[in-house]
C-alpha atoms as a PDB file:
ATOM      1  CA  MET A   1      67.227  39.860 167.774  1.00  0.00           C
ATOM      2  CA  THR A   2      69.697  40.484 170.259  1.00  0.00           C
ATOM      3  CA  PRO A   3      73.071  43.174 169.591  1.00  0.00           C
ATOM      4  CA  ALA A   4      74.663  40.113 167.628  1.00  0.00           C
ATOM      5  CA  GLN A   5      72.836  38.790 165.689  1.00  0.00           C
ATOM      6  CA  TYR A   6      72.844  42.896 164.121  1.00  0.00           C
ATOM      7  CA  ILE A   7      76.664  42.693 163.084  1.00  0.00           C
ATOM      8  CA  PRO A   8      76.071  40.944 160.415  1.00  0.00           C
ATOM      9  CA  THR A   9      72.885  42.551 158.688  1.00  0.00           C
ATOM     10  CA  ILE A  10      74.941  46.179 158.845  1.00  0.00           C
ATOM     11  CA  VAL A  11      78.490  44.430 157.693  1.00  0.00           C
ATOM     12  CA  GLY A  12      76.272  43.637 154.767  1.00  0.00           C
ATOM     13  CA  TRP A  13      74.760  46.589 154.111  1.00  0.00           C
ATOM     14  CA  VAL A  14      78.031  48.613 154.112  1.00  0.00           C
ATOM     15  CA  LEU A  15      79.905  45.942 152.060  1.00  0.00           C
ATOM     16  CA  ALA A  16      76.797  46.536 149.709  1.00  0.00           C
ATOM     17  CA  ILE A  17      77.275  50.120 149.480  1.00  0.00           C
ATOM     18  CA  ALA A  18      80.817  50.186 149.040  1.00  0.00           C
ATOM     19  CA  ILE A  19      80.400  48.177 146.117  1.00  0.00           C
ATOM     20  CA  ALA A  20      78.031  50.332 144.335  1.00  0.00           C
ATOM     21  CA  ILE A  21      79.968  52.929 144.903  1.00  0.00           C
ATOM     22  CA  PHE A  22      83.024  51.161 143.384  1.00  0.00           C
ATOM     23  CA  VAL A  23      80.750  50.417 140.270  1.00  0.00           C
ATOM     24  CA  ILE A  24      79.850  53.923 140.143  1.00  0.00           C
ATOM     25  CA  VAL A  25      83.312  55.563 140.591  1.00  0.00           C
ATOM     26  CA  ALA A  26      84.771  52.929 138.220  1.00  0.00           C
ATOM     27  CA  ILE A  27      82.147  53.244 135.471  1.00  0.00           C
ATOM     28  CA  VAL A  28      82.481  57.612 135.645  1.00  0.00           C
ATOM     29  CA  ARG A  29      86.394  57.091 135.548  1.00  0.00           C
ATOM     30  CA  ALA A  30      85.823  54.715 132.468  1.00  0.00           C
ATOM     31  CA  ILE A  31      83.650  57.125 130.023  1.00  0.00           C
ATOM     32  CA  ARG A  32      85.743  60.334 129.144  1.00  0.00           C
ATOM     33  CA  ILE A  33      83.968  62.730 126.965  1.00  0.00           C
ATOM     34  CA  ILE A  34      87.134  64.989 124.824  1.00  0.00           C
ATOM     35  CA  PRO A  35      85.717  68.302 123.559  1.00  0.00           C
ATOM     36  CA  GLN A  36      86.291  68.919 119.914  1.00  0.00           C
ATOM     37  CA  SER A  37      89.765  70.506 118.664  1.00  0.00           C
ATOM     38  CA  THR A  38      91.336  68.472 121.803  1.00  0.00           C
ATOM     39  CA  ALA A  39      93.488  65.416 122.363  1.00  0.00           C
ATOM     40  CA  GLY A  40      94.311  63.441 125.444  1.00  0.00           C
ATOM     41  CA  VAL A  41      96.693  61.396 125.490  1.00  0.00           C
ATOM     42  CA  VAL A  42      96.223  57.322 127.726  1.00  0.00           C
ATOM     43  CA  GLU A  43      98.403  55.769 129.868  1.00  0.00           C
ATOM     44  CA  ARG A  44      97.917  52.698 131.269  1.00  0.00           C
ATOM     45  CA  LEU A  45     100.100  51.635 133.608  1.00  0.00           C
ATOM     46  CA  GLY A  46     102.869  54.579 133.343  1.00  0.00           C
ATOM     47  CA  ARG A  47     103.459  53.914 129.259  1.00  0.00           C
ATOM     48  CA  TYR A  48     101.758  55.249 126.016  1.00  0.00           C
ATOM     49  CA  HIS A  49      98.056  53.464 124.749  1.00  0.00           C
ATOM     50  CA  LYS A  50      96.743  55.351 123.051  1.00  0.00           C
ATOM     51  CA  THR A  51      95.021  59.042 122.072  1.00  0.00           C
ATOM     52  CA  LEU A  52      91.721  60.096 122.476  1.00  0.00           C
ATOM     53  CA  MET A  53      89.786  61.409 119.545  1.00  0.00           C
ATOM     54  CA  PRO A  54      86.825  64.113 120.378  1.00  0.00           C
ATOM     55  CA  GLY A  55      83.976  62.128 121.411  1.00  0.00           C
ATOM     56  CA  LEU A  56      82.494  59.407 124.045  1.00  0.00           C
ATOM     57  CA  ASN A  57      85.715  57.122 124.726  1.00  0.00           C
ATOM     58  CA  ILE A  58      86.337  54.127 126.994  1.00  0.00           C
ATOM     59  CA  LEU A  59      88.715  54.021 129.113  1.00  0.00           C
ATOM     60  CA  VAL A  60      89.719  50.619 131.991  1.00  0.00           C
ATOM     61  CA  PRO A  61      88.905  52.360 135.057  1.00  0.00           C
ATOM     62  CA  PHE A  62      92.200  52.485 136.943  1.00  0.00           C
ATOM     63  CA  ILE A  63      94.438  50.928 134.751  1.00  0.00           C
ATOM     64  CA  ASP A  64      94.410  53.672 132.293  1.00  0.00           C
ATOM     65  CA  ARG A  65      94.724  57.520 132.482  1.00  0.00           C
ATOM     66  CA  VAL A  66      94.188  60.806 130.776  1.00  0.00           C
ATOM     67  CA  ARG A  67      97.323  62.906 130.566  1.00  0.00           C
ATOM     68  CA  PRO A  68      96.249  66.880 130.280  1.00  0.00           C
ATOM     69  CA  LEU A  69      94.341  67.479 127.205  1.00  0.00           C
ATOM     70  CA  LEU A  70      95.921  69.355 124.397  1.00  0.00           C
ATOM     71  CA  ASP A  71      94.569  72.054 122.199  1.00  0.00           C
ATOM     72  CA  MET A  72      94.950  71.074 118.523  1.00  0.00           C
ATOM     73  CA  ARG A  73      93.821  74.337 117.115  1.00  0.00           C
ATOM     74  CA  GLU A  74      96.529  76.908 116.141  1.00  0.00           C
ATOM     75  CA  GLN A  75      97.808  78.582 118.315  1.00  0.00           C
ATOM     76  CA  VAL A  76      99.029  82.167 118.380  1.00  0.00           C
ATOM     77  CA  VAL A  77     102.526  83.730 120.510  1.00  0.00           C
ATOM     78  CA  THR A  78     103.927  87.031 121.053  1.00  0.00           C
ATOM     79  CA  PHE A  79     107.907  86.751 122.868  1.00  0.00           C
ATOM     80  CA  PRO A  80     108.718  90.190 124.403  1.00  0.00           C
ATOM     81  CA  PRO A  81     111.187  92.012 122.476  1.00  0.00           C
ATOM     82  CA  GLN A  82     114.544  90.652 121.553  1.00  0.00           C
ATOM     83  CA  PRO A  83     117.553  92.564 121.435  1.00  0.00           C
ATOM     84  CA  VAL A  84     119.647  91.152 118.349  1.00  0.00           C
ATOM     85  CA  ILE A  85     123.219  92.541 116.749  1.00  0.00           C
ATOM     86  CA  THR A  86     123.067  93.472 113.163  1.00  0.00           C
ATOM     87  CA  GLU A  87     126.068  92.939 111.139  1.00  0.00           C
ATOM     88  CA  ASP A  88     127.201  95.907 111.440  1.00  0.00           C
ATOM     89  CA  ASN A  89     127.407  96.184 115.521  1.00  0.00           C
ATOM     90  CA  LEU A  90     123.785  97.919 115.663  1.00  0.00           C
ATOM     91  CA  THR A  91     121.544  96.489 118.416  1.00  0.00           C
ATOM     92  CA  VAL A  92     117.869  96.621 117.243  1.00  0.00           C
ATOM     93  CA  SER A  93     114.933  95.493 119.552  1.00  0.00           C
ATOM     94  CA  ILE A  94     112.980  92.376 117.467  1.00  0.00           C
ATOM     95  CA  ASP A  95     109.581  91.492 118.612  1.00  0.00           C
ATOM     96  CA  THR A  96     108.213  88.477 116.785  1.00  0.00           C
ATOM     97  CA  VAL A  97     104.980  86.503 116.519  1.00  0.00           C
ATOM     98  CA  VAL A  98     104.683  82.908 115.665  1.00  0.00           C
ATOM     99  CA  TYR A  99     101.493  80.873 114.249  1.00  0.00           C
ATOM    100  CA  PHE A 100     101.770  76.895 115.174  1.00  0.00           C
ATOM    101  CA  GLN A 101      99.410  74.159 115.776  1.00  0.00           C
ATOM    102  CA  VAL A 102      99.521  70.549 117.419  1.00  0.00           C
ATOM    103  CA  ASN A 103      99.499  68.001 115.323  1.00  0.00           C
ATOM    104  CA  ASP A 104     100.209  64.672 117.113  1.00  0.00           C
ATOM    105  CA  ALA A 105      99.344  64.984 120.398  1.00  0.00           C
ATOM    106  CA  ARG A 106     102.115  62.150 121.574  1.00  0.00           C
ATOM    107  CA  ALA A 107     104.897  63.938 120.150  1.00  0.00           C
ATOM    108  CA  ALA A 108     103.771  67.244 121.416  1.00  0.00           C
ATOM    109  CA  THR A 109     103.723  64.984 124.840  1.00  0.00           C
ATOM    110  CA  TYR A 110     106.921  62.639 124.959  1.00  0.00           C
ATOM    111  CA  GLU A 111     109.559  64.316 122.589  1.00  0.00           C
ATOM    112  CA  ILE A 112     109.192  67.808 124.467  1.00  0.00           C
ATOM    113  CA  ALA A 113     108.770  68.854 127.576  1.00  0.00           C
ATOM    114  CA  ASN A 114     107.541  72.352 127.149  1.00  0.00           C
ATOM    115  CA  TYR A 115     106.939  73.029 123.831  1.00  0.00           C
ATOM    116  CA  LEU A 116     105.983  76.166 124.309  1.00  0.00           C
ATOM    117  CA  SER A 117     108.810  77.580 126.266  1.00  0.00           C
ATOM    118  CA  ALA A 118     110.941  75.022 123.394  1.00  0.00           C
ATOM    119  CA  VAL A 119     108.864  77.375 119.968  1.00  0.00           C
ATOM    120  CA  GLU A 120     110.636  80.509 122.238  1.00  0.00           C
ATOM    121  CA  GLN A 121     114.034  79.629 122.486  1.00  0.00           C
ATOM    122  CA  LEU A 122     114.488  78.828 119.200  1.00  0.00           C
ATOM    123  CA  THR A 123     112.597  81.326 117.433  1.00  0.00           C
ATOM    124  CA  ILE A 124     115.108  83.747 119.248  1.00  0.00           C
ATOM    125  CA  THR A 125     118.240  81.804 118.710  1.00  0.00           C
ATOM    126  CA  THR A 126     117.009  81.459 115.191  1.00  0.00           C
ATOM    127  CA  LEU A 127     116.235  85.189 114.488  1.00  0.00           C
ATOM    128  CA  ARG A 128     119.867  85.997 115.935  1.00  0.00           C
ATOM    129  CA  ASN A 129     121.198  83.886 113.504  1.00  0.00           C
ATOM    130  CA  VAL A 130     119.133  85.458 110.509  1.00  0.00           C
ATOM    131  CA  VAL A 131     119.276  88.989 111.304  1.00  0.00           C
ATOM    132  CA  GLY A 132     123.540  88.665 112.457  1.00  0.00           C
ATOM    133  CA  GLY A 133     124.302  88.124 109.060  1.00  0.00           C
ATOM    134  CA  LEU A 134     122.017  91.806 107.294  1.00  0.00           C
ATOM    135  CA  ASN A 135     123.282  95.090 107.757  1.00  0.00           C
ATOM    136  CA  LEU A 136     119.861  97.623 109.565  1.00  0.00           C
ATOM    137  CA  GLU A 137     119.158  98.467 106.140  1.00  0.00           C
ATOM    138  CA  GLU A 138     118.740  95.026 104.858  1.00  0.00           C
ATOM    139  CA  ALA A 139     116.893  93.983 108.266  1.00  0.00           C
ATOM    140  CA  LEU A 140     114.484  96.746 107.728  1.00  0.00           C
ATOM    141  CA  THR A 141     113.737  96.089 104.338  1.00  0.00           C
ATOM    142  CA  SER A 142     113.901  91.962 104.499  1.00  0.00           C
ATOM    143  CA  ARG A 143     111.077  91.895 106.597  1.00  0.00           C
ATOM    144  CA  ASP A 144     109.429  88.880 104.015  1.00  0.00           C
ATOM    145  CA  GLU A 145     113.230  87.156 103.591  1.00  0.00           C
ATOM    146  CA  ILE A 146     113.290  86.668 107.247  1.00  0.00           C
ATOM    147  CA  ASN A 147     109.536  85.933 107.861  1.00  0.00           C
ATOM    148  CA  GLN A 148     110.024  83.063 105.447  1.00  0.00           C
ATOM    149  CA  ARG A 149     113.997  81.913 107.156  1.00  0.00           C
ATOM    150  CA  LEU A 150     112.310  81.777 110.456  1.00  0.00           C
ATOM    151  CA  ARG A 151     109.342  79.838 109.194  1.00  0.00           C
ATOM    152  CA  ALA A 152     111.290  77.043 107.245  1.00  0.00           C
ATOM    153  CA  VAL A 153     114.069  76.652 110.181  1.00  0.00           C
ATOM    154  CA  LEU A 154     111.097  76.177 112.908  1.00  0.00           C
ATOM    155  CA  ASP A 155     109.135  74.247 111.003  1.00  0.00           C
ATOM    156  CA  GLU A 156     111.746  71.984 109.896  1.00  0.00           C
ATOM    157  CA  ALA A 157     112.968  71.742 114.455  1.00  0.00           C
ATOM    158  CA  THR A 158     109.270  71.431 115.774  1.00  0.00           C
ATOM    159  CA  GLY A 159     108.126  68.486 113.234  1.00  0.00           C
ATOM    160  CA  LYS A 160     109.419  65.812 115.498  1.00  0.00           C
ATOM    161  CA  TRP A 161     107.641  67.867 118.135  1.00  0.00           C
ATOM    162  CA  GLY A 162     104.206  66.953 116.231  1.00  0.00           C
ATOM    163  CA  ILE A 163     104.325  70.940 115.849  1.00  0.00           C
ATOM    164  CA  ARG A 164     103.464  72.564 112.401  1.00  0.00           C
ATOM    165  CA  VAL A 165     104.419  76.366 112.573  1.00  0.00           C
ATOM    166  CA  ALA A 166     101.976  78.159 109.607  1.00  0.00           C
ATOM    167  CA  ARG A 167     103.737  81.146 109.974  1.00  0.00           C
ATOM    168  CA  VAL A 168     106.166  83.954 111.520  1.00  0.00           C
ATOM    169  CA  GLU A 169     106.082  87.370 111.599  1.00  0.00           C
ATOM    170  CA  LEU A 170     108.033  90.444 112.228  1.00  0.00           C
ATOM    171  CA  LYS A 171     106.043  92.431 114.450  1.00  0.00           C
ATOM    172  CA  ALA A 172     108.550  95.636 115.269  1.00  0.00           C
ATOM    173  CA  ILE A 173     112.992  96.438 114.160  1.00  0.00           C
ATOM    174  CA  ASP A 174     113.309  99.157 116.681  1.00  0.00           C
ATOM    175  CA  PRO A 175     116.933 100.267 116.109  1.00  0.00           C
ATOM    176  CA  PRO A 176     118.868 102.617 118.974  1.00  0.00           C
ATOM    177  CA  LEU A 177     117.136 106.466 119.460  1.00  0.00           C
ATOM    178  CA  SER A 178     120.361 107.832 118.022  1.00  0.00           C
ATOM    179  CA  ILE A 179     119.987 105.859 114.892  1.00  0.00           C
ATOM    180  CA  GLN A 180     116.021 106.769 114.440  1.00  0.00           C
ATOM    181  CA  ASP A 181     117.018 110.212 114.670  1.00  0.00           C
ATOM    182  CA  SER A 182     119.849 110.100 111.809  1.00  0.00           C
ATOM    183  CA  MET A 183     117.033 108.020 109.590  1.00  0.00           C
ATOM    184  CA  GLU A 184     114.417 110.937 110.468  1.00  0.00           C
ATOM    185  CA  LYS A 185     117.019 113.052 109.489  1.00  0.00           C
ATOM    186  CA  GLN A 186     118.211 111.243 106.127  1.00  0.00           C
ATOM    187  CA  MET A 187     114.397 111.041 105.371  1.00  0.00           C
ATOM    188  CA  ARG A 188     113.318 114.744 106.017  1.00  0.00           C
ATOM    189  CA  ALA A 189     116.516 115.770 103.660  1.00  0.00           C
ATOM    190  CA  GLU A 190     115.397 113.214 101.301  1.00  0.00           C
ATOM    191  CA  ARG A 191     112.082 114.525 101.103  1.00  0.00           C
ATOM    192  CA  ASP A 192     113.440 117.887 101.146  1.00  0.00           C
ATOM    193  CA  ARG A 193     115.125 116.943  97.632  1.00  0.00           C
ATOM    194  CA  ARG A 194     112.399 115.377  96.111  1.00  0.00           C
ATOM    195  CA  ALA A 195     110.618 119.157  97.069  1.00  0.00           C
ATOM    196  CA  ALA A 196     112.749 120.950  95.475  1.00  0.00           C
ATOM    197  CA  ILE A 197     113.541 118.627  92.683  1.00  0.00           C
ATOM    198  CA  LEU A 198     109.231 119.167  91.913  1.00  0.00           C
ATOM    199  CA  THR A 199     109.491 122.765  92.183  1.00  0.00           C
ATOM    200  CA  ALA A 200     112.080 123.447  89.614  1.00  0.00           C
ATOM    201  CA  GLU A 201     110.739 120.720  87.456  1.00  0.00           C
ATOM    202  CA  GLY A 202     107.198 123.103  87.823  1.00  0.00           C
ATOM    203  CA  THR A 203     108.843 126.292  87.407  1.00  0.00           C
ATOM    204  CA  LYS A 204     110.504 124.382  84.449  1.00  0.00           C
ATOM    205  CA  GLN A 205     107.065 123.771  82.611  1.00  0.00           C
ATOM    206  CA  SER A 206     106.028 127.073  83.747  1.00  0.00           C
ATOM    207  CA  GLU A 207     108.741 129.081  82.038  1.00  0.00           C
ATOM    208  CA  ILE A 208     108.474 126.368  78.761  1.00  0.00           C
ATOM    209  CA  LEU A 209     104.785 126.831  78.843  1.00  0.00           C
ATOM    210  CA  LYS A 210     104.640 130.974  78.952  1.00  0.00           C
ATOM    211  CA  ALA A 211     107.679 131.189  76.175  1.00  0.00           C
ATOM    212  CA  GLU A 212     105.573 128.541  73.892  1.00  0.00           C
ATOM    213  CA  GLY A 213     102.553 131.497  74.800  1.00  0.00           C
ATOM    214  CA  ALA A 214     104.974 134.260  74.031  1.00  0.00           C
ATOM    215  CA  ARG A 215     106.146 132.499  70.845  1.00  0.00           C
ATOM    216  CA  GLN A 216     102.232 131.148  69.479  1.00  0.00           C
ATOM    217  CA  SER A 217     101.103 134.848  70.803  1.00  0.00           C
ATOM    218  CA  ALA A 218     104.166 136.521  68.880  1.00  0.00           C
ATOM    219  CA  ILE A 219     103.663 134.002  65.533  1.00  0.00           C
ATOM    220  CA  LEU A 220      99.537 135.034  65.752  1.00  0.00           C
ATOM    221  CA  THR A 221     100.250 138.657  66.390  1.00  0.00           C
ATOM    222  CA  ALA A 222     102.931 138.912  62.743  1.00  0.00           C
ATOM    223  CA  GLU A 223     100.159 136.408  60.551  1.00  0.00           C
ATOM    224  CA  GLY A 224      97.410 138.624  61.859  1.00  0.00           C
ATOM    225  CA  ASP A 225      99.313 141.943  60.733  1.00  0.00           C
ATOM    226  CA  LYS A 226     100.688 140.172  57.629  1.00  0.00           C
ATOM    227  CA  GLN A 227      97.259 139.432  56.869  1.00  0.00           C
ATOM    228  CA  ALA A 228      96.244 143.223  57.803  1.00  0.00           C
ATOM    229  CA  GLN A 229      98.538 144.791  55.526  1.00  0.00           C
ATOM    230  CA  VAL A 230      97.861 142.508  52.574  1.00  0.00           C
ATOM    231  CA  LEU A 231      93.768 143.190  53.203  1.00  0.00           C
ATOM    232  CA  ARG A 232      94.840 146.812  52.923  1.00  0.00           C
ATOM    233  CA  ALA A 233      97.924 147.303  50.381  1.00  0.00           C
ATOM    234  CA  GLU A 234      94.933 144.271  48.748  1.00  0.00           C
ATOM    235  CA  GLY A 235      92.182 148.287  49.299  1.00  0.00           C
ATOM    236  CA  GLU A 236      94.467 150.128  48.340  1.00  0.00           C
ATOM    237  CA  ALA A 237      95.106 148.856  45.194  1.00  0.00           C
ATOM    238  CA  GLN A 238      91.273 148.532  44.835  1.00  0.00           C
ATOM    239  CA  ALA A 239      90.676 151.857  45.303  1.00  0.00           C
ATOM    240  CA  ILE A 240      94.077 153.155  43.095  1.00  0.00           C
ATOM    241  CA  GLN A 241      92.263 150.713  40.354  1.00  0.00           C
ATOM    242  CA  ALA A 242      88.924 152.758  40.696  1.00  0.00           C
ATOM    243  CA  VAL A 243      90.285 156.036  40.923  1.00  0.00           C
ATOM    244  CA  PHE A 244      92.174 155.100  37.683  1.00  0.00           C
ATOM    245  CA  ASP A 245      89.022 153.898  36.130  1.00  0.00           C
ATOM    246  CA  SER A 246      86.890 156.461  36.894  1.00  0.00           C
ATOM    247  CA  ILE A 247      89.359 159.221  35.614  1.00  0.00           C
ATOM    248  CA  HIS A 248      89.799 157.474  32.360  1.00  0.00           C
ATOM    249  CA  LYS A 249      86.122 156.961  31.995  1.00  0.00           C
ATOM    250  CA  GLY A 250      85.782 160.410  32.392  1.00  0.00           C
ATOM    251  CA  ASN A 251      88.735 161.651  29.785  1.00  0.00           C
ATOM    252  CA  PRO A 252      89.637 164.692  31.602  1.00  0.00           C
ATOM    253  CA  ASP A 253      91.419 167.758  29.613  1.00  0.00           C
ATOM    254  CA  ASP A 254      94.640 169.327  30.313  1.00  0.00           C
ATOM    255  CA  LYS A 255      93.247 172.131  32.317  1.00  0.00           C
ATOM    256  CA  LEU A 256      91.648 169.963  34.463  1.00  0.00           C
ATOM    257  CA  LEU A 257      94.398 168.185  35.565  1.00  0.00           C
ATOM    258  CA  ALA A 258      96.377 170.935  36.270  1.00  0.00           C
ATOM    259  CA  TYR A 259      93.821 172.287  38.774  1.00  0.00           C
ATOM    260  CA  GLN A 260      93.508 169.245  40.856  1.00  0.00           C
ATOM    261  CA  TYR A 261      97.545 169.467  40.830  1.00  0.00           C
ATOM    262  CA  LEU A 262      97.113 172.321  42.213  1.00  0.00           C
ATOM    263  CA  LEU A 263      94.624 171.359  45.364  1.00  0.00           C
ATOM    264  CA  THR A 264      96.350 168.320  46.334  1.00  0.00           C
ATOM    265  CA  LEU A 265      99.662 170.349  46.384  1.00  0.00           C
ATOM    266  CA  PRO A 266      98.679 172.115  49.501  1.00  0.00           C
ATOM    267  CA  LYS A 267      98.012 168.166  51.400  1.00  0.00           C
ATOM    268  CA  ILE A 268     102.005 167.888  50.284  1.00  0.00           C
ATOM    269  CA  ALA A 269     103.075 170.544  52.105  1.00  0.00           C
ATOM    270  CA  ASP A 270     100.501 170.662  55.477  1.00  0.00           C
ATOM    271  CA  SER A 271     102.675 168.168  56.990  1.00  0.00           C
ATOM    272  CA  ALA A 272     104.734 169.259  60.511  1.00  0.00           C
ATOM    273  CA  SER A 273     108.147 167.711  59.648  1.00  0.00           C
ATOM    274  CA  SER A 274     108.244 169.601  56.448  1.00  0.00           C
ATOM    275  CA  LYS A 275     110.821 171.815  57.032  1.00  0.00           C
ATOM    276  CA  LEU A 276     111.942 172.351  53.494  1.00  0.00           C
ATOM    277  CA  TRP A 277     109.213 172.198  50.080  1.00  0.00           C
ATOM    278  CA  ILE A 278     110.411 171.720  46.663  1.00  0.00           C
ATOM    279  CA  ILE A 279     108.405 172.831  44.123  1.00  0.00           C
ATOM    280  CA  PRO A 280     108.259 169.737  41.232  1.00  0.00           C
ATOM    281  CA  SER A 281     108.524 170.684  37.232  1.00  0.00           C
ATOM    282  CA  GLU A 282     105.294 169.813  37.004  1.00  0.00           C
ATOM    283  CA  PHE A 283     104.163 173.220  39.079  1.00  0.00           C
ATOM    284  CA  THR A 284     105.532 174.980  36.450  1.00  0.00           C
ATOM    285  CA  ASP A 285     103.429 172.891  33.519  1.00  0.00           C
ATOM    286  CA  ALA A 286     100.368 173.537  35.285  1.00  0.00           C
ATOM    287  CA  MET A 287     100.401 176.733  35.733  1.00  0.00           C
ATOM    288  CA  LYS A 288     101.361 177.701  32.455  1.00  0.00           C
ATOM    289  CA  GLY A 289      97.911 175.598  31.548  1.00  0.00           C
ATOM    290  CA  LEU A 290      96.155 177.389  33.999  1.00  0.00           C
ATOM    291  CA  THR A 291      96.997 180.596  32.870  1.00  0.00           C
ATOM    292  CA  GLY A 292      96.769 180.636  29.540  1.00  0.00           C
ATOM    293  CA  ALA A 293      92.914 178.882  30.332  1.00  0.00           C
ATOM    294  CA  PHE A 294      92.136 181.761  33.062  1.00  0.00           C
ATOM    295  CA  GLY A 295      94.286 184.633  30.688  1.00  0.00           C
ATOM    296  CA  GLY A 296      91.514 183.690  27.906  1.00  0.00           C
ATOM    297  CA  LYS A 297      88.491 183.678  29.930  1.00  0.00           C
ATOM    298  CA  ILE A 298      89.381 187.385  31.393  1.00  0.00           C
ATOM    299  CA  ALA A 299      89.634 188.679  28.438  1.00  0.00           C
ATOM    300  CA  GLU A 300      86.945 187.549  26.429  1.00  0.00           C
ATOM    301  CA  ALA A 301      84.668 189.081  29.707  1.00  0.00           C
ATOM    302  CA  ALA A 302      86.372 192.362  29.205  1.00  0.00           C
ATOM    303  CA  ALA A 303      86.075 192.063  25.422  1.00  0.00           C
ATOM    304  CA  ALA A 304      81.968 191.680  26.248  1.00  0.00           C
ATOM    305  CA  ALA A 305      82.010 194.597  28.721  1.00  0.00           C
ATOM    306  CA  ARG A 306      83.805 197.349  26.776  1.00  0.00           C
ATOM    307  CA  ALA A 307      80.934 195.938  24.332  1.00  0.00           C
ATOM    308  CA  ALA A 308      77.860 196.437  26.389  1.00  0.00           C
ATOM    309  CA  GLU A 309      79.371 200.411  27.277  1.00  0.00           C
ATOM    310  CA  SER A 310      79.379 201.141  23.390  1.00  0.00           C
ATOM    311  CA  GLY A 311      76.545 199.105  22.377  1.00  0.00           C
ATOM    312  CA  GLN A 312      78.608 197.461  20.161  1.00  0.00           C
ATOM    313  CA  GLU A 313      78.023 193.182  19.308  1.00  0.00           C
ATOM    314  CA  PRO A 314      81.358 191.919  21.354  1.00  0.00           C
ATOM    315  CA  PRO A 315      83.277 190.966  19.022  1.00  0.00           C
ATOM    316  CA  LEU A 316      84.023 186.692  18.589  1.00  0.00           C
ATOM    317  CA  THR A 317      87.553 185.206  19.814  1.00  0.00           C
ATOM    318  CA  PRO A 318      88.727 182.165  18.409  1.00  0.00           C
ATOM    319  CA  PRO A 319      88.891 179.154  21.176  1.00  0.00           C
ATOM    320  CA  THR A 320      91.619 178.911  23.655  1.00  0.00           C
ATOM    321  CA  PRO A 321      92.718 175.779  22.323  1.00  0.00           C
END
């Protein structure tokens, strides 16, 4: 074959290969697989056509165009610290964390140019409006209230963008260093005051318990002394009763009573503090009784001695009354 005859054959092969490549490219562009938790917006000839859901999707090649995929999961964004002026003209630095989720891929694509930047700027402005109406103490103690107000405002504003704001958290509220020092001193003074109050309460309770213990001890001691005195008096009464009963049963005569009385007199004078000893009037009667008793015995003994010496019988002496 001449070279002129090869030209149609070459052109045919080139056209066949070009058509095959075109078909392959068209098939590849017509099939689009969307991963889970993502969504894609399809534009047909520059206009919105549909939203691709996860899975296998068929497109019209060279006519349909898929914009960058959007993440449909809940996202967490931390914004840098922002200076905010409170109601009492103090500048505090506040870090915020926003939890949001894209619900409508079409609105998030066409209703806002950059929804992430829009959420950040809206959070900053809303935060300044909310905290600007609170003083420093209220801002530090009202985090839950601030979070709720921020979430409500952001959720309402971002609804038309196809975004749902789930939560807004204040990660940190940092007052100026001078204010922090003052707050630390105040807290230290408050803790010292509470410690002093607790110490005073403890001392008070300790003193009360000690006084109560001393009172109970004194009461118990007095009760013990009382019982001891009662028992001692009862014992002495029983002893005196026993002695009296013994004496009454023995029926002693006057001589024995006088003798016992004389034996008791030295015990009366045996005290070291006795400077003056008064002899009672009964002592004279006792001495008379003893003298009469012992005098009769002595006379009888003398008469018996004289009778023995003379060899006579002793005279009979009438008994002493």
